[in-house]
Every structure is written in C-alpha cells, then in structure tokens.
Amino acid sequence: MIDKPTTPGGTILYKAHDVLETLTLDKLTAHKKRELAITFGELVYDGQWFSPLRKALSAFVTATQEHVTGKVRLELYKGNLINAGVWSPYSLYREDIATFAAGGDYKQSDATGFISIYGLPTKVQAIVNSEKEGE
C-alpha cells in the first residue's frame, strides 16, 4: 500500500509553484522541464549528482525559474488543492492581446496559416492511409 505524502505544507507549496508556472512559462519550456525532471531524478537516484549532465539540467531549471514569481490563491477542500487565482507580473496571458473583442490585437484570420502548418502531418498521414487502404 502506498501512503499519502506526510508533508502537507510541501504539497501546498509544490502545487502553488506548479500553478504559477502555468502562467509564466511557455508551453514548450514547461513540457521540456517536466520531461527532464525524470532524467534529473534518475541521475540523483543513481548517485550522479556531480555529473556534467546534472549540472546542465540544474542550469536549465534555474533559467526557467527567472520569471516564475507572483501570487497564487489555493483552496483546500476535502484533501484537494483547487486553484482559486493566480497573478504574476511576468504572466504570458495578456487580455489586451488575447481578446477577441473589437480593438484587440488578435485576429482569427492569423490562425489560418498556423493551423494549416500544424495540421499538415496529420493531413498527409490521412492521405497516405487512404491510398494504402484503397490498394
């Protein structure tokens, strides 16, 4: 049987930091940070604390944390932590840019090329699959 963590304060701080990162890190950096956390853990577990790779990963994490600052409000309810608000001066969400309202910088037509480029591999795969099924 796996026990629940016995450090509620640490759990709360970890959650608050994670929520703050969702506001201040871009998608690719956040994804790579989570991916590299596995490698970092393996290095530490294997006694490779002084390895060049561990030092490089630490430098990466330090760089990602440069603008991770702000305020997080969490609600505790029946053993759960619920994000109730987050603010940062380095927030990557800007209502004046992301708004669909008149006068905003975002234009739906801007997404057309982006969607076509990102959707191209899936489109090619569908074409190839349908051609192969027709043989």
Protein backbone atom coordinates (compact mmCIF):
# COMPACT_ATOMS: atom_id res chain seq x y z
CA MET A 1 0.00 0.00 0.00
CA ILE A 2 1.29 3.45 -0.92
CA ASP A 3 0.99 6.07 1.79
CA LYS A 4 -0.10 9.61 1.06
CA PRO A 5 2.58 12.30 1.43
CA THR A 6 3.08 13.38 5.02
CA THR A 7 4.24 16.90 4.18
CA PRO A 8 1.07 18.92 3.60
CA GLY A 9 2.96 22.23 3.64
CA GLY A 10 5.36 20.97 0.98
CA THR A 11 2.47 19.65 -1.09
CA ILE A 12 0.74 23.05 -0.95
CA LEU A 13 3.93 24.91 -1.94
CA TYR A 14 4.61 22.50 -4.79
CA LYS A 15 1.06 22.96 -6.13
CA ALA A 16 1.27 26.75 -5.85
CA HIS A 17 4.57 26.77 -7.75
CA ASP A 18 3.14 24.48 -10.42
CA VAL A 19 0.12 26.77 -10.89
CA LEU A 20 2.41 29.81 -11.15
CA GLU A 21 4.50 28.08 -13.81
CA THR A 22 1.37 27.55 -15.94
CA LEU A 23 1.08 31.34 -16.13
CA THR A 24 4.75 32.27 -16.58
CA LEU A 25 6.32 29.50 -18.68
CA ASP A 26 5.57 28.91 -22.33
CA LYS A 27 4.15 25.54 -23.32
CA LEU A 28 7.34 24.06 -24.79
CA THR A 29 9.55 25.10 -21.86
CA ALA A 30 7.07 23.73 -19.32
CA HIS A 31 6.79 20.46 -21.25
CA LYS A 32 10.57 20.05 -21.53
CA LYS A 33 11.02 20.88 -17.83
CA ARG A 34 8.61 18.10 -16.84
CA GLU A 35 10.28 15.70 -19.27
CA LEU A 36 13.77 16.46 -17.96
CA ALA A 37 12.61 16.09 -14.35
CA ILE A 38 12.59 12.32 -14.94
CA THR A 39 16.19 12.37 -16.13
CA PHE A 40 17.17 14.60 -13.20
CA GLY A 41 15.56 12.19 -10.73
CA GLU A 42 17.34 9.22 -12.31
CA LEU A 43 20.70 11.00 -12.08
CA VAL A 44 20.20 11.79 -8.41
CA TYR A 45 18.97 8.26 -7.65
CA ASP A 46 21.98 6.79 -9.44
CA GLY A 47 24.42 8.92 -7.44
CA GLN A 48 25.34 11.19 -10.35
CA TRP A 49 24.92 14.48 -8.50
CA PHE A 50 28.31 15.78 -9.66
CA SER A 51 27.87 14.72 -13.29
CA PRO A 52 28.05 17.30 -16.09
CA LEU A 53 24.51 16.39 -17.18
CA ARG A 54 23.04 17.05 -13.72
CA LYS A 55 24.82 20.41 -13.62
CA ALA A 56 23.49 21.28 -17.09
CA LEU A 57 19.95 20.28 -16.13
CA SER A 58 20.18 22.40 -12.97
CA ALA A 59 21.27 25.38 -15.08
CA PHE A 60 18.27 24.80 -17.37
CA VAL A 61 15.87 24.73 -14.41
CA THR A 62 17.46 27.84 -12.90
CA ALA A 63 16.98 29.68 -16.21
CA THR A 64 13.33 28.60 -16.44
CA GLN A 65 12.63 29.99 -12.97
CA GLU A 66 13.91 33.51 -13.68
CA HIS A 67 10.39 34.94 -14.11
CA VAL A 68 8.37 32.46 -12.04
CA THR A 69 7.12 34.84 -9.40
CA GLY A 70 3.73 36.12 -8.33
CA LYS A 71 0.79 35.29 -6.13
CA VAL A 72 -1.26 32.10 -6.02
CA ARG A 73 -4.50 31.51 -4.14
CA LEU A 74 -5.39 27.89 -3.44
CA GLU A 75 -8.46 26.49 -1.78
CA LEU A 76 -8.21 23.35 0.29
CA TYR A 77 -11.33 21.22 0.11
CA LYS A 78 -11.64 17.63 1.33
CA GLY A 79 -7.98 16.85 0.75
CA ASN A 80 -7.84 18.58 -2.64
CA LEU A 81 -6.00 21.71 -3.71
CA ILE A 82 -8.01 23.90 -6.05
CA ASN A 83 -6.55 26.83 -7.96
CA ALA A 84 -8.58 29.86 -6.92
CA GLY A 85 -6.46 32.56 -8.54
CA VAL A 86 -3.00 33.36 -9.84
CA TRP A 87 -1.21 36.62 -10.71
CA SER A 88 2.28 37.41 -11.94
CA PRO A 89 4.00 40.49 -13.35
CA TYR A 90 5.53 38.04 -15.87
CA SER A 91 2.22 36.49 -16.92
CA LEU A 92 2.25 35.28 -20.51
CA TYR A 93 -1.50 35.80 -20.68
CA ARG A 94 -2.33 39.31 -21.82
CA GLU A 95 -6.01 40.12 -22.14
CA ASP A 96 -5.25 43.10 -24.37
CA ILE A 97 -3.56 40.76 -26.86
CA ALA A 98 -5.67 37.62 -26.49
CA THR A 99 -9.07 39.26 -26.58
CA PHE A 100 -11.48 38.65 -29.42
CA ALA A 101 -13.19 41.96 -28.71
CA ALA A 102 -13.06 44.83 -31.15
CA GLY A 103 -9.78 46.67 -30.94
CA GLY A 104 -7.81 43.66 -29.68
CA ASP A 105 -4.59 42.61 -31.37
CA TYR A 106 -5.79 39.07 -32.01
CA LYS A 107 -7.35 38.38 -35.39
CA GLN A 108 -8.89 34.98 -36.04
CA SER A 109 -7.52 35.06 -39.57
CA ASP A 110 -3.99 35.00 -38.08
CA ALA A 111 -4.57 31.37 -37.07
CA THR A 112 -5.27 30.12 -40.62
CA GLY A 113 -1.64 29.55 -41.69
CA PHE A 114 -0.70 28.28 -38.24
CA ILE A 115 -3.46 25.67 -38.28
CA SER A 116 -2.55 24.58 -41.81
CA ILE A 117 1.14 24.12 -40.95
CA TYR A 118 0.50 22.23 -37.69
CA GLY A 119 -2.21 20.13 -39.30
CA LEU A 120 -0.11 19.19 -42.33
CA PRO A 121 1.45 15.98 -40.90
CA THR A 122 -1.97 14.66 -39.91
CA LYS A 123 -3.37 15.56 -43.33
CA VAL A 124 -0.51 13.77 -45.11
CA GLN A 125 -0.95 10.72 -42.88
CA ALA A 126 -4.66 10.57 -43.70
CA ILE A 127 -3.93 10.81 -47.44
CA VAL A 128 -1.29 8.05 -47.28
CA ASN A 129 -3.53 5.81 -45.18
CA SER A 130 -6.48 6.22 -47.53
CA GLU A 131 -4.28 5.50 -50.56
CA LYS A 132 -2.87 2.34 -48.91
CA GLU A 133 -6.34 1.14 -47.89
CA GLY A 134 -7.51 1.58 -51.49
CA GLU A 135 -4.82 -0.76 -52.83
